[in-house]
């Protein structure tokens, strides 16, 4: 591994969001100390401003990150949980973490664990790294093992070989 490759490795960083004036007071937990700037890959990137979003069911959530092409990661002001909404035109809500602090801890742990494997590593290593990540995340927050959880999907992608070092650092 050369020095230039490690320069492009994901790093853990918190960013301070602007808080839209119409947000419920629950949104203030996103302001200090901030939210993770991103996770590995395109699974999550912080928005510049936390904003109120209304999904198809009429439920209001506080979006603070984008996920994939059209998804958002949100704080549910009703209970403080972190949820993933794959697309705003649907009412599907997937669990992420039980609160913002555990979300931040999970992001930090995943980035700390990188690199996972290289392109030429065997399937068995992909599986082992996925198992290790799943156990690590569950120790931080049991929510990460919930059916349809954002983190379960992430770990499944790791197990399929979607997170080799070149795939991440060459993007």
N, C-alpha and C. Protein backbone atom coordinates (compact mmCIF):
# COMPACT_ATOMS: atom_id res chain seq x y z
N UNK A 1 0.85 -1.16 0.00
CA UNK A 1 0.00 0.00 0.00
C UNK A 1 0.90 1.23 0.00
N UNK A 2 0.63 2.15 -0.93
CA UNK A 2 1.49 3.32 -1.00
C UNK A 2 0.89 4.48 -0.21
N UNK A 3 1.73 5.45 0.05
CA UNK A 3 1.34 6.60 0.87
C UNK A 3 0.19 7.38 0.23
N UNK A 4 0.17 7.47 -1.10
CA UNK A 4 -0.89 8.21 -1.79
C UNK A 4 -2.25 7.58 -1.57
N UNK A 5 -2.28 6.26 -1.47
CA UNK A 5 -3.55 5.57 -1.24
C UNK A 5 -4.10 5.92 0.14
N UNK A 6 -3.24 5.92 1.15
CA UNK A 6 -3.72 6.22 2.51
C UNK A 6 -4.15 7.68 2.64
N UNK A 7 -3.64 8.58 1.80
CA UNK A 7 -4.08 9.97 1.81
C UNK A 7 -5.56 10.09 1.43
N UNK A 8 -6.06 9.13 0.69
CA UNK A 8 -7.46 9.18 0.22
C UNK A 8 -8.39 8.32 1.08
N UNK A 9 -7.89 7.76 2.16
CA UNK A 9 -8.73 6.95 3.03
C UNK A 9 -9.79 7.81 3.69
N UNK A 10 -10.92 7.22 3.97
CA UNK A 10 -11.97 7.96 4.68
C UNK A 10 -11.47 8.38 6.06
N UNK A 11 -11.86 9.55 6.48
CA UNK A 11 -11.52 10.04 7.82
C UNK A 11 -12.80 10.46 8.52
N UNK A 12 -12.79 10.34 9.82
CA UNK A 12 -13.95 10.73 10.61
C UNK A 12 -13.87 12.23 10.88
N UNK A 13 -14.96 12.91 10.58
CA UNK A 13 -15.01 14.35 10.79
C UNK A 13 -16.44 14.74 11.13
N UNK A 14 -16.59 15.62 12.10
CA UNK A 14 -17.90 16.17 12.44
C UNK A 14 -18.06 17.52 11.73
N UNK A 15 -19.28 17.79 11.27
CA UNK A 15 -19.60 19.08 10.67
C UNK A 15 -20.77 19.69 11.42
N UNK A 16 -20.77 21.01 11.47
CA UNK A 16 -21.85 21.73 12.11
C UNK A 16 -22.88 22.09 11.05
N UNK A 17 -24.11 21.71 11.28
CA UNK A 17 -25.18 22.01 10.34
C UNK A 17 -25.84 23.33 10.68
N UNK A 18 -26.30 24.01 9.65
CA UNK A 18 -27.23 25.10 9.91
C UNK A 18 -28.54 24.44 10.29
N UNK A 19 -29.27 25.04 11.18
CA UNK A 19 -30.55 24.51 11.63
C UNK A 19 -31.64 25.41 11.07
N UNK A 20 -32.49 24.85 10.21
CA UNK A 20 -33.57 25.63 9.62
C UNK A 20 -34.46 26.18 10.75
N UNK A 21 -34.96 27.41 10.58
CA UNK A 21 -35.73 28.05 11.65
C UNK A 21 -37.05 27.34 11.99
N UNK A 22 -37.58 26.57 11.07
CA UNK A 22 -38.88 25.91 11.32
C UNK A 22 -38.75 24.54 11.99
N UNK A 23 -37.53 24.17 12.40
CA UNK A 23 -37.35 22.84 12.99
C UNK A 23 -37.92 22.76 14.41
N UNK A 24 -38.48 21.60 14.74
CA UNK A 24 -38.87 21.39 16.13
C UNK A 24 -37.62 21.45 17.02
N UNK A 25 -37.80 21.76 18.29
CA UNK A 25 -36.67 21.90 19.21
C UNK A 25 -35.81 20.63 19.27
N UNK A 26 -36.41 19.47 18.98
CA UNK A 26 -35.65 18.21 18.99
C UNK A 26 -34.46 18.27 18.03
N UNK A 27 -34.54 19.08 16.99
CA UNK A 27 -33.47 19.20 16.01
C UNK A 27 -32.20 19.81 16.55
N UNK A 28 -32.28 20.45 17.70
CA UNK A 28 -31.10 21.08 18.28
C UNK A 28 -30.00 20.07 18.62
N UNK A 29 -30.36 18.80 18.82
CA UNK A 29 -29.33 17.79 19.13
C UNK A 29 -28.38 17.59 17.95
N UNK A 30 -28.77 18.05 16.76
CA UNK A 30 -27.92 17.92 15.58
C UNK A 30 -26.87 19.03 15.50
N UNK A 31 -27.06 20.09 16.27
CA UNK A 31 -26.19 21.26 16.16
C UNK A 31 -24.85 21.09 16.86
N UNK A 32 -24.84 20.52 18.05
CA UNK A 32 -23.62 20.41 18.83
C UNK A 32 -23.47 19.00 19.34
N UNK A 33 -22.39 18.31 19.14
CA UNK A 33 -21.13 18.77 18.56
C UNK A 33 -21.11 18.69 17.04
N UNK A 34 -22.21 18.37 16.41
CA UNK A 34 -22.29 18.24 14.97
C UNK A 34 -22.61 16.80 14.59
N UNK A 35 -22.62 16.55 13.29
CA UNK A 35 -22.91 15.21 12.78
C UNK A 35 -21.74 14.76 11.92
N UNK A 36 -21.60 13.44 11.73
CA UNK A 36 -20.51 12.97 10.86
C UNK A 36 -20.64 13.58 9.46
N UNK A 37 -19.52 13.93 8.88
CA UNK A 37 -19.53 14.50 7.52
C UNK A 37 -19.95 13.44 6.50
N UNK A 38 -19.44 12.23 6.68
CA UNK A 38 -19.80 11.14 5.75
C UNK A 38 -19.40 9.80 6.33
N UNK A 39 -19.93 8.77 5.69
CA UNK A 39 -19.49 7.40 5.99
C UNK A 39 -18.67 6.98 4.77
N UNK A 40 -18.17 5.79 4.79
CA UNK A 40 -17.44 5.24 3.66
C UNK A 40 -18.40 5.06 2.48
N UNK A 41 -17.95 5.41 1.29
CA UNK A 41 -18.80 5.26 0.11
C UNK A 41 -19.85 6.36 0.07
N UNK A 42 -20.99 6.05 -0.55
CA UNK A 42 -22.04 7.05 -0.72
C UNK A 42 -23.26 6.76 0.16
N UNK A 43 -23.04 6.03 1.22
CA UNK A 43 -24.15 5.65 2.09
C UNK A 43 -24.72 6.83 2.87
N UNK A 44 -23.88 7.79 3.20
CA UNK A 44 -24.33 8.95 3.97
C UNK A 44 -23.38 10.11 3.75
N UNK A 45 -23.96 11.28 3.50
CA UNK A 45 -23.22 12.55 3.48
C UNK A 45 -24.08 13.58 4.18
N UNK A 46 -23.48 14.34 5.08
CA UNK A 46 -24.22 15.35 5.81
C UNK A 46 -24.73 16.43 4.86
N UNK A 47 -25.92 16.91 5.13
CA UNK A 47 -26.46 18.07 4.42
C UNK A 47 -25.83 19.32 5.02
N UNK A 48 -25.90 20.43 4.33
CA UNK A 48 -25.38 21.68 4.91
C UNK A 48 -26.35 22.27 5.92
N UNK A 49 -27.64 21.91 5.78
CA UNK A 49 -28.65 22.42 6.70
C UNK A 49 -29.63 21.31 7.06
N UNK A 50 -29.89 21.16 8.36
CA UNK A 50 -30.92 20.23 8.80
C UNK A 50 -32.26 20.85 8.44
N UNK A 51 -33.15 20.05 7.84
CA UNK A 51 -34.42 20.61 7.38
C UNK A 51 -35.56 19.64 7.64
N UNK A 52 -36.73 20.18 7.78
CA UNK A 52 -37.93 19.39 8.00
C UNK A 52 -38.37 18.78 6.68
N UNK A 53 -38.62 17.48 6.67
CA UNK A 53 -39.16 16.82 5.49
C UNK A 53 -40.44 16.09 5.90
N UNK A 54 -41.38 16.05 4.97
CA UNK A 54 -42.63 15.34 5.21
C UNK A 54 -42.68 14.19 4.22
N UNK A 55 -42.82 12.98 4.74
CA UNK A 55 -42.88 11.83 3.85
C UNK A 55 -44.34 11.57 3.48
N UNK A 56 -44.56 10.62 2.59
CA UNK A 56 -45.87 10.35 2.03
C UNK A 56 -46.97 10.18 3.08
N UNK A 57 -46.65 9.56 4.18
CA UNK A 57 -47.65 9.31 5.22
C UNK A 57 -48.05 10.59 5.98
N UNK A 58 -47.34 11.69 5.72
CA UNK A 58 -47.60 12.94 6.42
C UNK A 58 -46.71 13.13 7.64
N UNK A 59 -45.92 12.14 7.94
CA UNK A 59 -45.02 12.21 9.10
C UNK A 59 -43.88 13.19 8.81
N UNK A 60 -43.54 14.01 9.82
CA UNK A 60 -42.45 14.97 9.68
C UNK A 60 -41.19 14.46 10.37
N UNK A 61 -40.10 14.53 9.64
CA UNK A 61 -38.79 14.11 10.13
C UNK A 61 -37.80 15.24 9.88
N UNK A 62 -36.67 15.19 10.56
CA UNK A 62 -35.64 16.21 10.38
C UNK A 62 -34.48 15.58 9.60
N UNK A 63 -34.37 15.92 8.32
CA UNK A 63 -33.30 15.37 7.47
C UNK A 63 -32.00 16.09 7.77
N UNK A 64 -30.94 15.29 7.95
CA UNK A 64 -29.61 15.89 8.18
C UNK A 64 -28.55 15.26 7.29
N UNK A 65 -28.92 14.27 6.47
CA UNK A 65 -27.96 13.64 5.58
C UNK A 65 -28.63 13.06 4.36
N UNK A 66 -27.87 12.97 3.28
CA UNK A 66 -28.36 12.28 2.09
C UNK A 66 -27.81 10.86 2.09
N UNK A 67 -28.53 9.99 1.39
CA UNK A 67 -28.13 8.59 1.33
C UNK A 67 -28.47 8.05 -0.05
N UNK A 68 -27.44 7.60 -0.77
CA UNK A 68 -27.69 7.08 -2.10
C UNK A 68 -28.19 8.17 -3.03
N UNK A 69 -29.03 7.78 -4.00
CA UNK A 69 -29.48 8.74 -5.00
C UNK A 69 -30.56 9.68 -4.49
N UNK A 70 -31.54 9.13 -3.75
CA UNK A 70 -32.68 9.97 -3.36
C UNK A 70 -33.09 9.81 -1.90
N UNK A 71 -32.29 9.13 -1.14
CA UNK A 71 -32.66 8.88 0.25
C UNK A 71 -32.15 9.95 1.19
N UNK A 72 -32.71 9.93 2.39
CA UNK A 72 -32.28 10.85 3.44
C UNK A 72 -32.14 10.10 4.76
N UNK A 73 -31.23 10.58 5.59
CA UNK A 73 -31.07 10.09 6.95
C UNK A 73 -31.62 11.20 7.83
N UNK A 74 -32.50 10.81 8.76
CA UNK A 74 -33.26 11.79 9.52
C UNK A 74 -33.28 11.49 11.02
N UNK A 75 -33.52 12.53 11.77
CA UNK A 75 -33.85 12.43 13.18
C UNK A 75 -35.37 12.41 13.26
N UNK A 76 -35.91 11.46 13.99
CA UNK A 76 -37.35 11.43 14.23
C UNK A 76 -37.60 12.27 15.48
N UNK A 77 -38.22 13.46 15.35
CA UNK A 77 -38.40 14.32 16.51
C UNK A 77 -39.34 13.73 17.56
N UNK A 78 -40.12 12.74 17.19
CA UNK A 78 -41.06 12.13 18.14
C UNK A 78 -40.34 11.33 19.23
N UNK A 79 -39.18 10.71 18.87
CA UNK A 79 -38.51 9.84 19.84
C UNK A 79 -36.98 9.94 19.83
N UNK A 80 -36.42 10.78 18.97
CA UNK A 80 -34.97 10.97 18.94
C UNK A 80 -34.19 9.91 18.19
N UNK A 81 -34.89 8.94 17.58
CA UNK A 81 -34.18 7.90 16.84
C UNK A 81 -33.70 8.44 15.50
N UNK A 82 -32.73 7.74 14.93
CA UNK A 82 -32.23 8.07 13.60
C UNK A 82 -32.80 7.05 12.64
N UNK A 83 -33.37 7.54 11.53
CA UNK A 83 -34.02 6.68 10.55
C UNK A 83 -33.52 7.00 9.15
N UNK A 84 -33.73 6.03 8.26
CA UNK A 84 -33.36 6.18 6.86
C UNK A 84 -34.64 6.10 6.03
N UNK A 85 -34.84 7.06 5.17
CA UNK A 85 -35.98 7.07 4.26
C UNK A 85 -35.40 6.93 2.85
N UNK A 86 -35.59 5.77 2.20
CA UNK A 86 -34.97 5.55 0.89
C UNK A 86 -35.39 6.57 -0.17
N UNK A 87 -36.65 6.97 -0.18
CA UNK A 87 -37.14 8.01 -1.08
C UNK A 87 -38.27 8.75 -0.38
N UNK A 88 -38.33 10.05 -0.55
CA UNK A 88 -39.33 10.84 0.16
C UNK A 88 -40.75 10.61 -0.35
N UNK A 89 -40.88 10.03 -1.54
CA UNK A 89 -42.23 9.81 -2.07
C UNK A 89 -42.84 8.50 -1.56
N UNK A 90 -42.19 7.86 -0.62
CA UNK A 90 -42.72 6.63 -0.02
C UNK A 90 -42.76 6.80 1.48
N UNK A 91 -43.50 5.95 2.11
CA UNK A 91 -43.59 6.08 3.57
C UNK A 91 -42.69 5.08 4.28
N UNK A 92 -41.86 4.36 3.54
CA UNK A 92 -40.95 3.39 4.16
C UNK A 92 -39.92 4.12 5.01
N UNK A 93 -39.79 3.68 6.24
CA UNK A 93 -38.78 4.23 7.15
C UNK A 93 -38.01 3.06 7.73
N UNK A 94 -36.69 3.08 7.57
CA UNK A 94 -35.84 2.02 8.09
C UNK A 94 -35.05 2.53 9.29
N UNK A 95 -34.89 1.70 10.32
CA UNK A 95 -34.11 2.13 11.48
C UNK A 95 -32.63 2.30 11.13
N UNK A 96 -31.97 3.20 11.83
CA UNK A 96 -30.53 3.39 11.70
C UNK A 96 -29.90 3.21 13.08
N UNK A 97 -30.20 4.12 13.99
CA UNK A 97 -29.66 4.08 15.35
C UNK A 97 -30.70 4.59 16.34
N UNK A 98 -30.46 4.29 17.61
CA UNK A 98 -31.42 4.70 18.64
C UNK A 98 -31.30 6.19 19.00
N UNK A 99 -30.18 6.83 18.64
CA UNK A 99 -30.04 8.28 18.85
C UNK A 99 -28.83 8.79 18.05
N UNK A 100 -28.67 10.10 18.02
CA UNK A 100 -27.60 10.70 17.23
C UNK A 100 -26.22 10.35 17.76
N UNK A 101 -26.07 10.22 19.07
CA UNK A 101 -24.76 9.87 19.62
C UNK A 101 -24.32 8.48 19.18
N UNK A 102 -25.24 7.54 19.16
CA UNK A 102 -24.89 6.18 18.72
C UNK A 102 -24.64 6.14 17.21
N UNK A 103 -25.37 6.96 16.44
CA UNK A 103 -25.09 7.06 15.01
C UNK A 103 -23.66 7.55 14.80
N UNK A 104 -23.29 8.60 15.50
CA UNK A 104 -21.94 9.15 15.38
C UNK A 104 -20.90 8.12 15.79
N UNK A 105 -21.15 7.39 16.87
CA UNK A 105 -20.21 6.35 17.32
C UNK A 105 -20.07 5.24 16.29
N UNK A 106 -21.16 4.85 15.65
CA UNK A 106 -21.10 3.79 14.63
C UNK A 106 -20.31 4.25 13.41
N UNK A 107 -20.55 5.47 12.96
CA UNK A 107 -19.80 6.01 11.82
C UNK A 107 -18.31 6.04 12.15
N UNK A 108 -17.97 6.54 13.33
CA UNK A 108 -16.56 6.62 13.74
C UNK A 108 -15.93 5.23 13.77
N UNK A 109 -16.64 4.25 14.30
CA UNK A 109 -16.11 2.88 14.40
C UNK A 109 -15.88 2.26 13.03
N UNK A 110 -16.81 2.46 12.11
CA UNK A 110 -16.67 1.90 10.76
C UNK A 110 -15.46 2.52 10.05
N UNK A 111 -15.33 3.83 10.16
CA UNK A 111 -14.20 4.51 9.51
C UNK A 111 -12.89 4.07 10.15
N UNK A 112 -12.88 3.93 11.46
CA UNK A 112 -11.68 3.48 12.19
C UNK A 112 -11.25 2.09 11.72
N UNK A 113 -12.22 1.24 11.40
CA UNK A 113 -11.94 -0.15 10.99
C UNK A 113 -11.39 -0.24 9.56
N UNK A 114 -11.64 0.76 8.73
CA UNK A 114 -11.16 0.75 7.35
C UNK A 114 -9.64 0.73 7.33
N UNK A 115 -9.00 -0.02 6.41
CA UNK A 115 -9.54 -0.72 5.24
C UNK A 115 -10.12 -2.09 5.59
N UNK A 116 -11.04 -2.53 4.77
CA UNK A 116 -11.69 -3.82 5.02
C UNK A 116 -11.00 -4.97 4.30
N UNK A 117 -10.74 -4.80 3.01
CA UNK A 117 -10.09 -5.84 2.20
C UNK A 117 -9.71 -5.24 0.85
N UNK A 118 -8.91 -5.98 0.09
CA UNK A 118 -8.52 -5.50 -1.24
C UNK A 118 -9.32 -6.24 -2.31
N UNK A 119 -9.14 -5.81 -3.55
CA UNK A 119 -9.88 -6.42 -4.66
C UNK A 119 -9.59 -7.90 -4.83
N UNK A 120 -8.36 -8.32 -4.51
CA UNK A 120 -8.00 -9.71 -4.76
C UNK A 120 -8.19 -10.62 -3.55
N UNK A 121 -8.78 -10.11 -2.48
CA UNK A 121 -9.06 -10.96 -1.32
C UNK A 121 -10.25 -11.87 -1.61
N UNK A 122 -10.30 -12.97 -0.91
CA UNK A 122 -11.33 -13.99 -1.13
C UNK A 122 -12.63 -13.64 -0.43
N UNK A 123 -13.70 -14.25 -0.93
CA UNK A 123 -15.04 -14.10 -0.39
C UNK A 123 -15.07 -14.34 1.12
N UNK A 124 -14.32 -15.31 1.59
CA UNK A 124 -14.30 -15.63 3.02
C UNK A 124 -13.88 -14.44 3.87
N UNK A 125 -12.94 -13.63 3.36
CA UNK A 125 -12.52 -12.44 4.10
C UNK A 125 -13.63 -11.39 4.11
N UNK A 126 -14.31 -11.24 2.97
CA UNK A 126 -15.44 -10.29 2.90
C UNK A 126 -16.46 -10.63 3.99
N UNK A 127 -16.78 -11.92 4.07
CA UNK A 127 -17.74 -12.40 5.07
C UNK A 127 -17.24 -12.14 6.49
N UNK A 128 -15.98 -12.43 6.74
CA UNK A 128 -15.41 -12.25 8.07
C UNK A 128 -15.43 -10.77 8.49
N UNK A 129 -15.09 -9.89 7.57
CA UNK A 129 -15.11 -8.46 7.87
C UNK A 129 -16.55 -8.01 8.13
N UNK A 130 -17.49 -8.50 7.33
CA UNK A 130 -18.90 -8.18 7.56
C UNK A 130 -19.36 -8.62 8.93
N UNK A 131 -18.98 -9.84 9.32
CA UNK A 131 -19.34 -10.35 10.65
C UNK A 131 -18.73 -9.48 11.75
N UNK A 132 -17.46 -9.11 11.57
CA UNK A 132 -16.78 -8.27 12.55
C UNK A 132 -17.48 -6.91 12.69
N UNK A 133 -17.84 -6.31 11.55
CA UNK A 133 -18.53 -5.01 11.58
C UNK A 133 -19.89 -5.14 12.25
N UNK A 134 -20.63 -6.19 11.92
CA UNK A 134 -21.96 -6.38 12.51
C UNK A 134 -21.87 -6.50 14.03
N UNK A 135 -20.90 -7.26 14.52
CA UNK A 135 -20.71 -7.41 15.96
C UNK A 135 -20.29 -6.10 16.61
N UNK A 136 -19.40 -5.39 15.97
CA UNK A 136 -18.92 -4.11 16.49
C UNK A 136 -20.07 -3.10 16.58
N UNK A 137 -20.86 -3.00 15.52
CA UNK A 137 -21.99 -2.07 15.50
C UNK A 137 -23.03 -2.43 16.55
N UNK A 138 -23.31 -3.72 16.71
CA UNK A 138 -24.31 -4.17 17.69
C UNK A 138 -23.86 -3.87 19.12
N UNK A 139 -22.55 -3.88 19.36
CA UNK A 139 -22.04 -3.52 20.70
C UNK A 139 -22.30 -2.04 20.99
N UNK A 140 -22.27 -1.22 19.96
CA UNK A 140 -22.52 0.22 20.13
C UNK A 140 -24.02 0.48 20.29
N UNK A 141 -24.83 -0.22 19.48
CA UNK A 141 -26.27 0.03 19.48
C UNK A 141 -26.99 -1.20 18.92
N UNK A 142 -27.81 -1.82 19.73
CA UNK A 142 -28.56 -3.02 19.31
C UNK A 142 -29.44 -2.75 18.09
N UNK A 143 -29.86 -1.51 17.89
CA UNK A 143 -30.70 -1.15 16.75
C UNK A 143 -30.05 -1.54 15.43
N UNK A 144 -28.72 -1.56 15.39
CA UNK A 144 -28.02 -1.83 14.13
C UNK A 144 -28.26 -3.23 13.60
N UNK A 145 -28.80 -4.13 14.42
CA UNK A 145 -29.07 -5.50 13.99
C UNK A 145 -30.55 -5.70 13.63
N UNK A 146 -31.35 -4.63 13.66
CA UNK A 146 -32.78 -4.70 13.38
C UNK A 146 -33.04 -4.98 11.90
N UNK A 147 -34.08 -5.76 11.63
CA UNK A 147 -34.48 -6.07 10.25
C UNK A 147 -34.64 -4.78 9.44
N UNK A 148 -34.12 -4.76 8.24
CA UNK A 148 -34.16 -3.61 7.31
C UNK A 148 -33.38 -2.40 7.80
N UNK A 149 -32.54 -2.58 8.79
CA UNK A 149 -31.75 -1.46 9.30
C UNK A 149 -30.73 -1.00 8.25
N UNK A 150 -30.50 0.28 8.21
CA UNK A 150 -29.49 0.91 7.37
C UNK A 150 -28.15 0.18 7.50
N UNK A 151 -27.75 -0.13 8.74
CA UNK A 151 -26.45 -0.76 8.99
C UNK A 151 -26.43 -2.21 8.52
N UNK A 152 -27.55 -2.93 8.61
CA UNK A 152 -27.61 -4.31 8.11
C UNK A 152 -27.33 -4.31 6.61
N UNK A 153 -27.92 -3.35 5.90
CA UNK A 153 -27.69 -3.23 4.46
C UNK A 153 -26.24 -2.90 4.17
N UNK A 154 -25.65 -2.00 4.93
CA UNK A 154 -24.25 -1.64 4.76
C UNK A 154 -23.36 -2.88 4.95
N UNK A 155 -23.59 -3.61 6.03
CA UNK A 155 -22.79 -4.80 6.33
C UNK A 155 -22.98 -5.86 5.23
N UNK A 156 -24.19 -6.03 4.74
CA UNK A 156 -24.44 -6.97 3.64
C UNK A 156 -23.62 -6.58 2.41
N UNK A 157 -23.54 -5.29 2.12
CA UNK A 157 -22.73 -4.83 0.98
C UNK A 157 -21.25 -5.10 1.21
N UNK A 158 -20.79 -4.94 2.44
CA UNK A 158 -19.40 -5.27 2.77
C UNK A 158 -19.17 -6.76 2.51
N UNK A 159 -20.11 -7.60 2.95
CA UNK A 159 -19.99 -9.05 2.76
C UNK A 159 -20.00 -9.45 1.28
N UNK A 160 -20.57 -8.62 0.42
CA UNK A 160 -20.62 -8.92 -1.02
C UNK A 160 -19.40 -8.41 -1.77
N UNK A 161 -18.48 -7.76 -1.04
CA UNK A 161 -17.25 -7.29 -1.69
C UNK A 161 -17.33 -5.89 -2.25
N UNK A 162 -18.35 -5.12 -1.85
CA UNK A 162 -18.55 -3.77 -2.40
C UNK A 162 -17.67 -2.70 -1.75
N UNK A 163 -16.85 -3.07 -0.78
CA UNK A 163 -16.08 -2.07 -0.05
C UNK A 163 -14.60 -2.37 -0.02
N UNK A 164 -14.04 -2.83 -1.15
CA UNK A 164 -12.60 -3.04 -1.20
C UNK A 164 -11.90 -1.68 -1.15
N UNK A 165 -10.68 -1.67 -0.68
CA UNK A 165 -9.94 -0.42 -0.56
C UNK A 165 -9.90 0.34 -1.89
N UNK A 166 -9.55 -0.28 -3.03
CA UNK A 166 -9.53 0.47 -4.28
C UNK A 166 -10.90 1.06 -4.67
N UNK A 167 -11.97 0.32 -4.35
CA UNK A 167 -13.30 0.85 -4.69
C UNK A 167 -13.62 2.11 -3.91
N UNK A 168 -13.06 2.26 -2.73
CA UNK A 168 -13.33 3.42 -1.89
C UNK A 168 -12.37 4.56 -2.19
N UNK A 169 -11.07 4.27 -2.24
CA UNK A 169 -10.10 5.36 -2.38
C UNK A 169 -9.97 5.86 -3.82
N UNK A 170 -10.39 5.08 -4.81
CA UNK A 170 -10.26 5.50 -6.19
C UNK A 170 -11.47 6.27 -6.70
N UNK A 171 -12.48 6.49 -5.83
CA UNK A 171 -13.68 7.22 -6.25
C UNK A 171 -13.45 8.69 -6.24
